[in-house]
Amino acid sequence: MPQPVVFAISFVAAFVFASFVEYWLHRLMHVSPKVGQRHRDHHRRNEGQGVLWEFRDYVLGSAIAMAIPFIFSLIVGLGWASGALFYAAFSAYAHQLQHENPRKCFWMKMPVHYVHHKYGMWEHNFGLGLDWWDHIFGTYKPVEWPAEDDIPEASMLAVRWW
């Protein structure tokens, strides 16, 4: 198989896998007292850490998973690591955007993470960057969106970066 195809397949596979892991870890944080302590603090504050700090946490938490594909080949490892890093950056940004400017999440019908916080949905809407897995696993719960007029409207880049 040509190397660009292998890279692309590895990139897409890592992107999808990272979103899957994020979804399930978020669900785990809602059922496990030990794993979820920091997350409960996040719900109390209802704010993100900033894009760069979120990105750092995602990368540190998945560094081993990003390194393992290099065992198979350099091109698979590079594709996988690139896809995982791209998803980590996208998700960190999407998470912060949903806390600060959820109207700008144009890629989702409803910004699930914003709704998850706004309406205290401890059993629904676990996606951060994407809502795919909520739909697939039956945890997607739609609400009227946007129902509030007090949500600020700002630029896509007007988020806390650090």
N, C-alpha and C. Protein backbone atom coordinates (compact mmCIF):
# COMPACT_ATOMS: atom_id res chain seq x y z
N MET A 1 0.85 -1.17 0.00
CA MET A 1 0.00 0.00 0.00
C MET A 1 0.90 1.24 0.00
N PRO A 2 0.57 2.26 -0.78
CA PRO A 2 1.40 3.47 -0.81
C PRO A 2 1.46 4.16 0.55
N GLN A 3 2.61 4.72 0.87
CA GLN A 3 2.81 5.35 2.17
C GLN A 3 1.80 6.46 2.48
N PRO A 4 1.44 7.32 1.52
CA PRO A 4 0.44 8.34 1.84
C PRO A 4 -0.92 7.75 2.25
N VAL A 5 -1.27 6.62 1.67
CA VAL A 5 -2.53 5.96 2.03
C VAL A 5 -2.43 5.39 3.44
N VAL A 6 -1.30 4.76 3.75
CA VAL A 6 -1.08 4.21 5.09
C VAL A 6 -1.13 5.33 6.12
N PHE A 7 -0.47 6.45 5.82
CA PHE A 7 -0.48 7.60 6.72
C PHE A 7 -1.92 8.08 6.93
N ALA A 8 -2.67 8.25 5.85
CA ALA A 8 -4.05 8.76 5.94
C ALA A 8 -4.94 7.81 6.74
N ILE A 9 -4.82 6.52 6.51
CA ILE A 9 -5.63 5.54 7.24
C ILE A 9 -5.28 5.60 8.73
N SER A 10 -3.99 5.67 9.04
CA SER A 10 -3.55 5.74 10.44
C SER A 10 -4.04 7.02 11.10
N PHE A 11 -3.98 8.13 10.36
CA PHE A 11 -4.43 9.42 10.87
C PHE A 11 -5.92 9.37 11.23
N VAL A 12 -6.73 8.89 10.29
CA VAL A 12 -8.18 8.83 10.51
C VAL A 12 -8.51 7.86 11.65
N ALA A 13 -7.83 6.70 11.66
CA ALA A 13 -8.08 5.71 12.72
C ALA A 13 -7.77 6.31 14.09
N ALA A 14 -6.67 7.04 14.21
CA ALA A 14 -6.31 7.66 15.50
C ALA A 14 -7.32 8.73 15.89
N PHE A 15 -7.77 9.53 14.93
CA PHE A 15 -8.75 10.58 15.20
C PHE A 15 -10.04 9.96 15.76
N VAL A 16 -10.52 8.93 15.10
CA VAL A 16 -11.76 8.27 15.53
C VAL A 16 -11.55 7.59 16.88
N PHE A 17 -10.44 6.89 17.04
CA PHE A 17 -10.16 6.19 18.29
C PHE A 17 -10.03 7.18 19.45
N ALA A 18 -9.36 8.30 19.23
CA ALA A 18 -9.21 9.31 20.29
C ALA A 18 -10.58 9.85 20.72
N SER A 19 -11.47 10.07 19.77
CA SER A 19 -12.81 10.56 20.14
C SER A 19 -13.57 9.50 20.93
N PHE A 20 -13.38 8.24 20.58
CA PHE A 20 -14.01 7.12 21.28
C PHE A 20 -13.50 7.03 22.73
N VAL A 21 -12.19 7.12 22.91
CA VAL A 21 -11.60 7.05 24.24
C VAL A 21 -12.05 8.24 25.09
N GLU A 22 -12.05 9.42 24.48
CA GLU A 22 -12.50 10.61 25.21
C GLU A 22 -13.94 10.44 25.71
N TYR A 23 -14.81 9.96 24.85
CA TYR A 23 -16.21 9.75 25.21
C TYR A 23 -16.31 8.81 26.42
N TRP A 24 -15.63 7.66 26.35
CA TRP A 24 -15.74 6.67 27.43
C TRP A 24 -15.05 7.13 28.71
N LEU A 25 -13.95 7.86 28.60
CA LEU A 25 -13.32 8.39 29.81
C LEU A 25 -14.22 9.42 30.47
N HIS A 26 -14.90 10.23 29.66
CA HIS A 26 -15.82 11.22 30.24
C HIS A 26 -16.96 10.49 30.96
N ARG A 27 -17.47 9.44 30.36
CA ARG A 27 -18.52 8.66 31.04
C ARG A 27 -18.00 8.06 32.34
N LEU A 28 -16.79 7.53 32.33
CA LEU A 28 -16.19 6.94 33.52
C LEU A 28 -16.05 7.99 34.63
N MET A 29 -15.72 9.21 34.26
CA MET A 29 -15.58 10.27 35.25
C MET A 29 -16.90 10.59 35.96
N HIS A 30 -17.99 10.19 35.36
CA HIS A 30 -19.29 10.45 35.97
C HIS A 30 -19.77 9.30 36.86
N VAL A 31 -19.08 8.17 36.84
CA VAL A 31 -19.50 7.05 37.68
C VAL A 31 -18.47 6.66 38.73
N SER A 32 -17.22 7.04 38.53
CA SER A 32 -16.17 6.63 39.45
C SER A 32 -15.77 7.77 40.38
N PRO A 33 -15.99 7.61 41.69
CA PRO A 33 -15.59 8.65 42.63
C PRO A 33 -14.08 8.95 42.57
N LYS A 34 -13.26 7.92 42.39
CA LYS A 34 -11.81 8.11 42.37
C LYS A 34 -11.37 8.85 41.10
N VAL A 35 -11.83 8.37 39.97
CA VAL A 35 -11.44 8.97 38.69
C VAL A 35 -12.09 10.34 38.51
N GLY A 36 -13.27 10.50 39.05
CA GLY A 36 -14.06 11.69 38.77
C GLY A 36 -13.90 12.88 39.68
N GLN A 37 -13.02 12.85 40.69
CA GLN A 37 -12.91 13.98 41.62
C GLN A 37 -12.57 15.28 40.90
N ARG A 38 -11.54 15.27 40.11
CA ARG A 38 -11.14 16.48 39.37
C ARG A 38 -12.25 16.92 38.42
N HIS A 39 -12.95 15.97 37.86
CA HIS A 39 -14.03 16.29 36.94
C HIS A 39 -15.21 16.94 37.66
N ARG A 40 -15.50 16.49 38.86
CA ARG A 40 -16.58 17.13 39.63
C ARG A 40 -16.22 18.59 39.93
N ASP A 41 -14.95 18.85 40.18
CA ASP A 41 -14.51 20.24 40.37
C ASP A 41 -14.73 21.04 39.09
N HIS A 42 -14.45 20.43 37.96
CA HIS A 42 -14.68 21.08 36.67
C HIS A 42 -16.16 21.44 36.51
N HIS A 43 -17.05 20.55 36.92
CA HIS A 43 -18.49 20.83 36.83
C HIS A 43 -18.90 21.95 37.78
N ARG A 44 -18.32 21.98 38.95
CA ARG A 44 -18.63 23.06 39.91
C ARG A 44 -18.19 24.42 39.37
N ARG A 45 -17.01 24.47 38.78
CA ARG A 45 -16.50 25.74 38.24
C ARG A 45 -17.15 26.08 36.90
N ASN A 46 -17.51 25.05 36.13
CA ASN A 46 -18.10 25.20 34.80
C ASN A 46 -17.24 26.08 33.89
N GLU A 47 -15.97 25.75 33.84
CA GLU A 47 -15.07 26.45 32.94
C GLU A 47 -13.96 25.51 32.51
N GLY A 48 -13.40 25.76 31.34
CA GLY A 48 -12.26 24.98 30.87
C GLY A 48 -10.97 25.55 31.45
N GLN A 49 -9.89 24.82 31.27
CA GLN A 49 -8.58 25.24 31.78
C GLN A 49 -7.89 26.21 30.84
N GLY A 50 -8.36 26.30 29.63
CA GLY A 50 -7.67 27.00 28.55
C GLY A 50 -7.22 25.95 27.55
N VAL A 51 -7.21 26.31 26.29
CA VAL A 51 -6.93 25.34 25.21
C VAL A 51 -5.59 24.66 25.41
N LEU A 52 -4.54 25.40 25.68
CA LEU A 52 -3.21 24.80 25.79
C LEU A 52 -3.10 23.83 26.97
N TRP A 53 -3.73 24.16 28.11
CA TRP A 53 -3.67 23.26 29.27
C TRP A 53 -4.51 22.01 29.03
N GLU A 54 -5.66 22.17 28.39
CA GLU A 54 -6.47 21.00 28.02
C GLU A 54 -5.68 20.10 27.08
N PHE A 55 -5.05 20.70 26.06
CA PHE A 55 -4.26 19.95 25.09
C PHE A 55 -3.13 19.18 25.79
N ARG A 56 -2.44 19.85 26.70
CA ARG A 56 -1.37 19.19 27.46
C ARG A 56 -1.89 17.97 28.20
N ASP A 57 -3.03 18.11 28.87
CA ASP A 57 -3.58 16.97 29.62
C ASP A 57 -3.94 15.82 28.68
N TYR A 58 -4.52 16.12 27.54
CA TYR A 58 -4.90 15.07 26.59
C TYR A 58 -3.67 14.35 26.07
N VAL A 59 -2.62 15.11 25.75
CA VAL A 59 -1.40 14.50 25.19
C VAL A 59 -0.69 13.67 26.25
N LEU A 60 -0.55 14.20 27.46
CA LEU A 60 0.10 13.43 28.53
C LEU A 60 -0.67 12.15 28.84
N GLY A 61 -1.99 12.23 28.80
CA GLY A 61 -2.81 11.06 29.08
C GLY A 61 -2.79 10.00 28.00
N SER A 62 -2.35 10.37 26.81
CA SER A 62 -2.39 9.41 25.70
C SER A 62 -1.03 9.18 25.05
N ALA A 63 0.04 9.63 25.67
CA ALA A 63 1.37 9.53 25.07
C ALA A 63 1.76 8.09 24.73
N ILE A 64 1.48 7.16 25.61
CA ILE A 64 1.84 5.76 25.33
C ILE A 64 1.06 5.24 24.14
N ALA A 65 -0.24 5.54 24.09
CA ALA A 65 -1.06 5.09 22.96
C ALA A 65 -0.58 5.71 21.65
N MET A 66 -0.01 6.90 21.72
CA MET A 66 0.50 7.53 20.50
C MET A 66 1.82 6.90 20.06
N ALA A 67 2.57 6.34 21.00
CA ALA A 67 3.88 5.77 20.67
C ALA A 67 3.81 4.34 20.16
N ILE A 68 2.86 3.57 20.61
CA ILE A 68 2.79 2.14 20.27
C ILE A 68 2.78 1.86 18.77
N PRO A 69 2.03 2.60 17.94
CA PRO A 69 2.02 2.29 16.50
C PRO A 69 3.37 2.42 15.80
N PHE A 70 4.34 3.09 16.41
CA PHE A 70 5.68 3.17 15.81
C PHE A 70 6.34 1.80 15.77
N ILE A 71 5.85 0.85 16.57
CA ILE A 71 6.36 -0.52 16.54
C ILE A 71 6.11 -1.14 15.17
N PHE A 72 4.98 -0.81 14.57
CA PHE A 72 4.60 -1.40 13.29
C PHE A 72 5.39 -0.80 12.13
N SER A 73 5.48 0.52 12.09
CA SER A 73 6.29 1.19 11.08
C SER A 73 6.33 2.67 11.38
N LEU A 74 7.31 3.32 10.79
CA LEU A 74 7.45 4.76 10.98
C LEU A 74 6.24 5.50 10.42
N ILE A 75 5.78 5.10 9.25
CA ILE A 75 4.68 5.82 8.60
C ILE A 75 3.36 5.61 9.36
N VAL A 76 3.12 4.40 9.88
CA VAL A 76 1.93 4.15 10.69
C VAL A 76 2.01 4.98 11.97
N GLY A 77 3.18 4.98 12.60
CA GLY A 77 3.36 5.76 13.83
C GLY A 77 3.17 7.24 13.61
N LEU A 78 3.72 7.76 12.51
CA LEU A 78 3.57 9.19 12.22
C LEU A 78 2.12 9.54 11.91
N GLY A 79 1.45 8.70 11.16
CA GLY A 79 0.03 8.94 10.86
C GLY A 79 -0.81 8.89 12.12
N TRP A 80 -0.59 7.87 12.94
CA TRP A 80 -1.35 7.70 14.18
C TRP A 80 -1.10 8.87 15.15
N ALA A 81 0.18 9.20 15.37
CA ALA A 81 0.51 10.30 16.28
C ALA A 81 -0.07 11.62 15.76
N SER A 82 -0.01 11.84 14.45
CA SER A 82 -0.56 13.07 13.87
C SER A 82 -2.07 13.14 14.07
N GLY A 83 -2.77 12.03 13.84
CA GLY A 83 -4.22 12.00 14.03
C GLY A 83 -4.60 12.22 15.48
N ALA A 84 -3.86 11.59 16.38
CA ALA A 84 -4.14 11.74 17.81
C ALA A 84 -3.86 13.17 18.28
N LEU A 85 -2.76 13.75 17.83
CA LEU A 85 -2.44 15.14 18.20
C LEU A 85 -3.45 16.11 17.60
N PHE A 86 -3.87 15.86 16.37
CA PHE A 86 -4.86 16.72 15.75
C PHE A 86 -6.18 16.66 16.54
N TYR A 87 -6.60 15.43 16.92
CA TYR A 87 -7.83 15.33 17.70
C TYR A 87 -7.67 16.00 19.06
N ALA A 88 -6.53 15.84 19.71
CA ALA A 88 -6.31 16.47 21.01
C ALA A 88 -6.41 17.99 20.90
N ALA A 89 -5.84 18.56 19.85
CA ALA A 89 -5.91 20.01 19.66
C ALA A 89 -7.34 20.44 19.36
N PHE A 90 -8.01 19.70 18.48
CA PHE A 90 -9.40 20.01 18.13
C PHE A 90 -10.30 19.91 19.37
N SER A 91 -10.16 18.85 20.12
CA SER A 91 -11.01 18.62 21.28
C SER A 91 -10.75 19.65 22.38
N ALA A 92 -9.48 19.99 22.60
CA ALA A 92 -9.16 21.01 23.61
C ALA A 92 -9.80 22.34 23.22
N TYR A 93 -9.71 22.68 21.95
CA TYR A 93 -10.33 23.92 21.47
C TYR A 93 -11.86 23.84 21.58
N ALA A 94 -12.44 22.73 21.13
CA ALA A 94 -13.91 22.58 21.16
C ALA A 94 -14.43 22.62 22.59
N HIS A 95 -13.70 22.02 23.51
CA HIS A 95 -14.10 22.03 24.92
C HIS A 95 -14.14 23.46 25.45
N GLN A 96 -13.08 24.20 25.20
CA GLN A 96 -13.01 25.58 25.67
C GLN A 96 -14.08 26.44 24.98
N LEU A 97 -14.28 26.22 23.69
CA LEU A 97 -15.28 26.98 22.94
C LEU A 97 -16.68 26.75 23.50
N GLN A 98 -16.99 25.52 23.87
CA GLN A 98 -18.32 25.24 24.40
C GLN A 98 -18.54 25.88 25.77
N HIS A 99 -17.49 26.10 26.51
CA HIS A 99 -17.63 26.80 27.79
C HIS A 99 -17.76 28.31 27.60
N GLU A 100 -17.16 28.85 26.57
CA GLU A 100 -17.11 30.30 26.42
C GLU A 100 -17.99 30.86 25.31
N ASN A 101 -18.17 30.11 24.24
CA ASN A 101 -18.89 30.63 23.07
C ASN A 101 -19.55 29.48 22.31
N PRO A 102 -20.48 28.77 22.94
CA PRO A 102 -21.02 27.55 22.34
C PRO A 102 -21.76 27.75 21.02
N ARG A 103 -22.21 28.96 20.75
CA ARG A 103 -22.89 29.20 19.47
C ARG A 103 -21.96 28.97 18.27
N LYS A 104 -20.69 29.02 18.48
CA LYS A 104 -19.73 28.85 17.38
C LYS A 104 -19.41 27.40 17.06
N CYS A 105 -20.00 26.45 17.75
CA CYS A 105 -19.78 25.02 17.46
C CYS A 105 -20.66 24.60 16.29
N PHE A 106 -20.35 25.14 15.12
CA PHE A 106 -21.18 24.94 13.93
C PHE A 106 -21.21 23.50 13.44
N TRP A 107 -20.27 22.67 13.82
CA TRP A 107 -20.20 21.30 13.34
C TRP A 107 -21.13 20.34 14.08
N MET A 108 -21.80 20.83 15.11
CA MET A 108 -22.79 20.03 15.82
C MET A 108 -24.12 20.76 15.82
N LYS A 109 -25.19 20.01 15.71
CA LYS A 109 -26.52 20.62 15.77
C LYS A 109 -26.72 21.31 17.13
N MET A 110 -26.17 20.69 18.17
CA MET A 110 -26.29 21.20 19.53
C MET A 110 -24.93 20.98 20.20
N PRO A 111 -24.35 21.99 20.84
CA PRO A 111 -23.05 21.80 21.51
C PRO A 111 -23.22 20.93 22.76
N VAL A 112 -22.98 19.63 22.59
CA VAL A 112 -23.33 18.66 23.63
C VAL A 112 -22.65 18.92 24.96
N HIS A 113 -21.42 19.39 24.94
CA HIS A 113 -20.73 19.60 26.22
C HIS A 113 -21.32 20.80 26.96
N TYR A 114 -21.64 21.83 26.24
CA TYR A 114 -22.29 22.99 26.86
C TYR A 114 -23.61 22.56 27.50
N VAL A 115 -24.42 21.82 26.77
CA VAL A 115 -25.73 21.36 27.27
C VAL A 115 -25.53 20.41 28.46
N HIS A 116 -24.51 19.56 28.37
CA HIS A 116 -24.17 18.62 29.46
C HIS A 116 -23.97 19.40 30.77
N HIS A 117 -23.25 20.50 30.69
CA HIS A 117 -23.03 21.33 31.88
C HIS A 117 -24.25 22.16 32.25
N LYS A 118 -24.82 22.83 31.29
CA LYS A 118 -25.91 23.78 31.54
C LYS A 118 -27.09 23.12 32.23
N TYR A 119 -27.42 21.90 31.82
CA TYR A 119 -28.61 21.22 32.34
C TYR A 119 -28.28 20.05 33.28
N GLY A 120 -27.03 19.99 33.76
CA GLY A 120 -26.65 18.95 34.72
C GLY A 120 -26.91 17.55 34.23
N MET A 121 -26.55 17.26 33.01
CA MET A 121 -26.81 15.96 32.39
C MET A 121 -25.71 14.96 32.73
N TRP A 122 -25.84 14.33 33.88
CA TRP A 122 -24.82 13.38 34.34
C TRP A 122 -24.89 12.05 33.62
N GLU A 123 -25.94 11.81 32.85
CA GLU A 123 -26.05 10.54 32.11
C GLU A 123 -26.23 10.76 30.62
N HIS A 124 -25.99 11.97 30.14
CA HIS A 124 -26.21 12.28 28.72
C HIS A 124 -25.15 13.25 28.21
N ASN A 125 -24.98 13.22 26.89
CA ASN A 125 -24.16 14.20 26.16
C ASN A 125 -22.73 14.28 26.69
N PHE A 126 -21.99 13.19 26.49
CA PHE A 126 -20.62 13.09 27.01
C PHE A 126 -19.55 13.55 26.03
N GLY A 127 -19.90 13.76 24.78
CA GLY A 127 -18.90 14.20 23.81
C GLY A 127 -18.33 15.55 24.18
N LEU A 128 -17.08 15.77 23.84
CA LEU A 128 -16.49 17.08 24.03
C LEU A 128 -16.37 17.79 22.69
N GLY A 129 -15.68 17.16 21.77
CA GLY A 129 -15.51 17.77 20.46
C GLY A 129 -16.55 17.32 19.45
N LEU A 130 -17.06 16.13 19.66
CA LEU A 130 -17.99 15.53 18.69
C LEU A 130 -19.15 14.85 19.43
N ASP A 131 -20.23 14.67 18.73
CA ASP A 131 -21.39 14.01 19.35
C ASP A 131 -21.66 12.62 18.76
N TRP A 132 -20.73 12.10 17.95
CA TRP A 132 -20.91 10.80 17.29
C TRP A 132 -21.27 9.70 18.28
N TRP A 133 -20.43 9.56 19.30
CA TRP A 133 -20.57 8.42 20.22
C TRP A 133 -21.83 8.55 21.08
N ASP A 134 -22.25 9.75 21.40
CA ASP A 134 -23.52 9.93 22.11
C ASP A 134 -24.67 9.39 21.27
N HIS A 135 -24.64 9.64 19.98
CA HIS A 135 -25.69 9.10 19.10
C HIS A 135 -25.60 7.58 19.03
N ILE A 136 -24.39 7.06 18.84
CA ILE A 136 -24.20 5.61 18.69
C ILE A 136 -24.59 4.85 19.96
N PHE A 137 -24.21 5.36 21.13
CA PHE A 137 -24.45 4.65 22.39
C PHE A 137 -25.70 5.09 23.12
N GLY A 138 -26.50 5.92 22.48
CA GLY A 138 -27.81 6.29 23.04
C GLY A 138 -27.77 7.27 24.19
N THR A 139 -26.69 8.02 24.33
CA THR A 139 -26.62 9.00 25.41
C THR A 139 -26.88 10.43 24.92
N TYR A 140 -27.17 10.58 23.65
CA TYR A 140 -27.49 11.91 23.11
C TYR A 140 -28.89 12.28 23.57
N LYS A 141 -29.00 13.46 24.18
CA LYS A 141 -30.31 13.94 24.64
C LYS A 141 -30.47 15.37 24.13
N PRO A 142 -31.31 15.57 23.13
CA PRO A 142 -31.46 16.92 22.58
C PRO A 142 -32.27 17.83 23.51
N VAL A 143 -31.93 19.09 23.47
CA VAL A 143 -32.69 20.13 24.16
C VAL A 143 -32.85 21.27 23.16
N GLU A 144 -33.77 22.17 23.45
CA GLU A 144 -33.93 23.34 22.60
C GLU A 144 -32.62 24.11 22.56
N TRP A 145 -32.16 24.39 21.38
CA TRP A 145 -30.88 25.07 21.26
C TRP A 145 -30.94 26.07 20.13
N PRO A 146 -30.54 27.29 20.31
CA PRO A 146 -30.20 27.90 21.58
C PRO A 146 -31.46 28.41 22.26
N ALA A 147 -31.61 28.10 23.50
CA ALA A 147 -32.79 28.52 24.25
C ALA A 147 -32.54 29.80 25.02
N GLU A 148 -31.28 30.12 25.24
CA GLU A 148 -30.95 31.28 26.05
C GLU A 148 -30.47 32.43 25.18
N ASP A 149 -30.78 33.63 25.57
CA ASP A 149 -30.29 34.80 24.87
C ASP A 149 -29.05 35.38 25.54
N ASP A 150 -28.67 34.82 26.71
CA ASP A 150 -27.54 35.38 27.44
C ASP A 150 -26.20 34.76 27.07
N ILE A 151 -26.18 33.91 26.03
CA ILE A 151 -24.92 33.30 25.60
C ILE A 151 -24.18 34.32 24.74
N PRO A 152 -22.95 34.63 25.09
CA PRO A 152 -22.23 35.66 24.33
C PRO A 152 -21.94 35.21 22.90
N GLU A 153 -21.91 36.16 22.02
CA GLU A 153 -21.54 35.92 20.62
C GLU A 153 -20.19 36.58 20.42
N ALA A 154 -19.20 35.83 20.02
CA ALA A 154 -17.85 36.36 19.84
C ALA A 154 -17.18 35.61 18.69
N SER A 155 -15.99 35.98 18.39
CA SER A 155 -15.20 35.36 17.34
C SER A 155 -14.88 33.89 17.70
N MET A 156 -14.61 33.09 16.69
CA MET A 156 -14.22 31.69 16.92
C MET A 156 -12.92 31.60 17.72
N LEU A 157 -12.10 32.63 17.67
CA LEU A 157 -10.82 32.61 18.36
C LEU A 157 -10.86 33.27 19.73
N ALA A 158 -12.00 33.79 20.09
CA ALA A 158 -12.14 34.49 21.37
C ALA A 158 -12.41 33.49 22.48
N VAL A 159 -11.38 32.70 22.80
CA VAL A 159 -11.45 31.73 23.90
C VAL A 159 -10.20 31.91 24.75
N ARG A 160 -10.24 31.36 25.92
CA ARG A 160 -9.05 31.37 26.80
C ARG A 160 -8.07 30.35 26.24
N TRP A 161 -6.89 30.81 25.86
CA TRP A 161 -5.91 29.91 25.25
C TRP A 161 -4.97 29.28 26.29
N TRP A 162 -4.74 29.95 27.44
CA TRP A 162 -3.90 29.38 28.51
C TRP A 162 -4.41 29.79 29.86
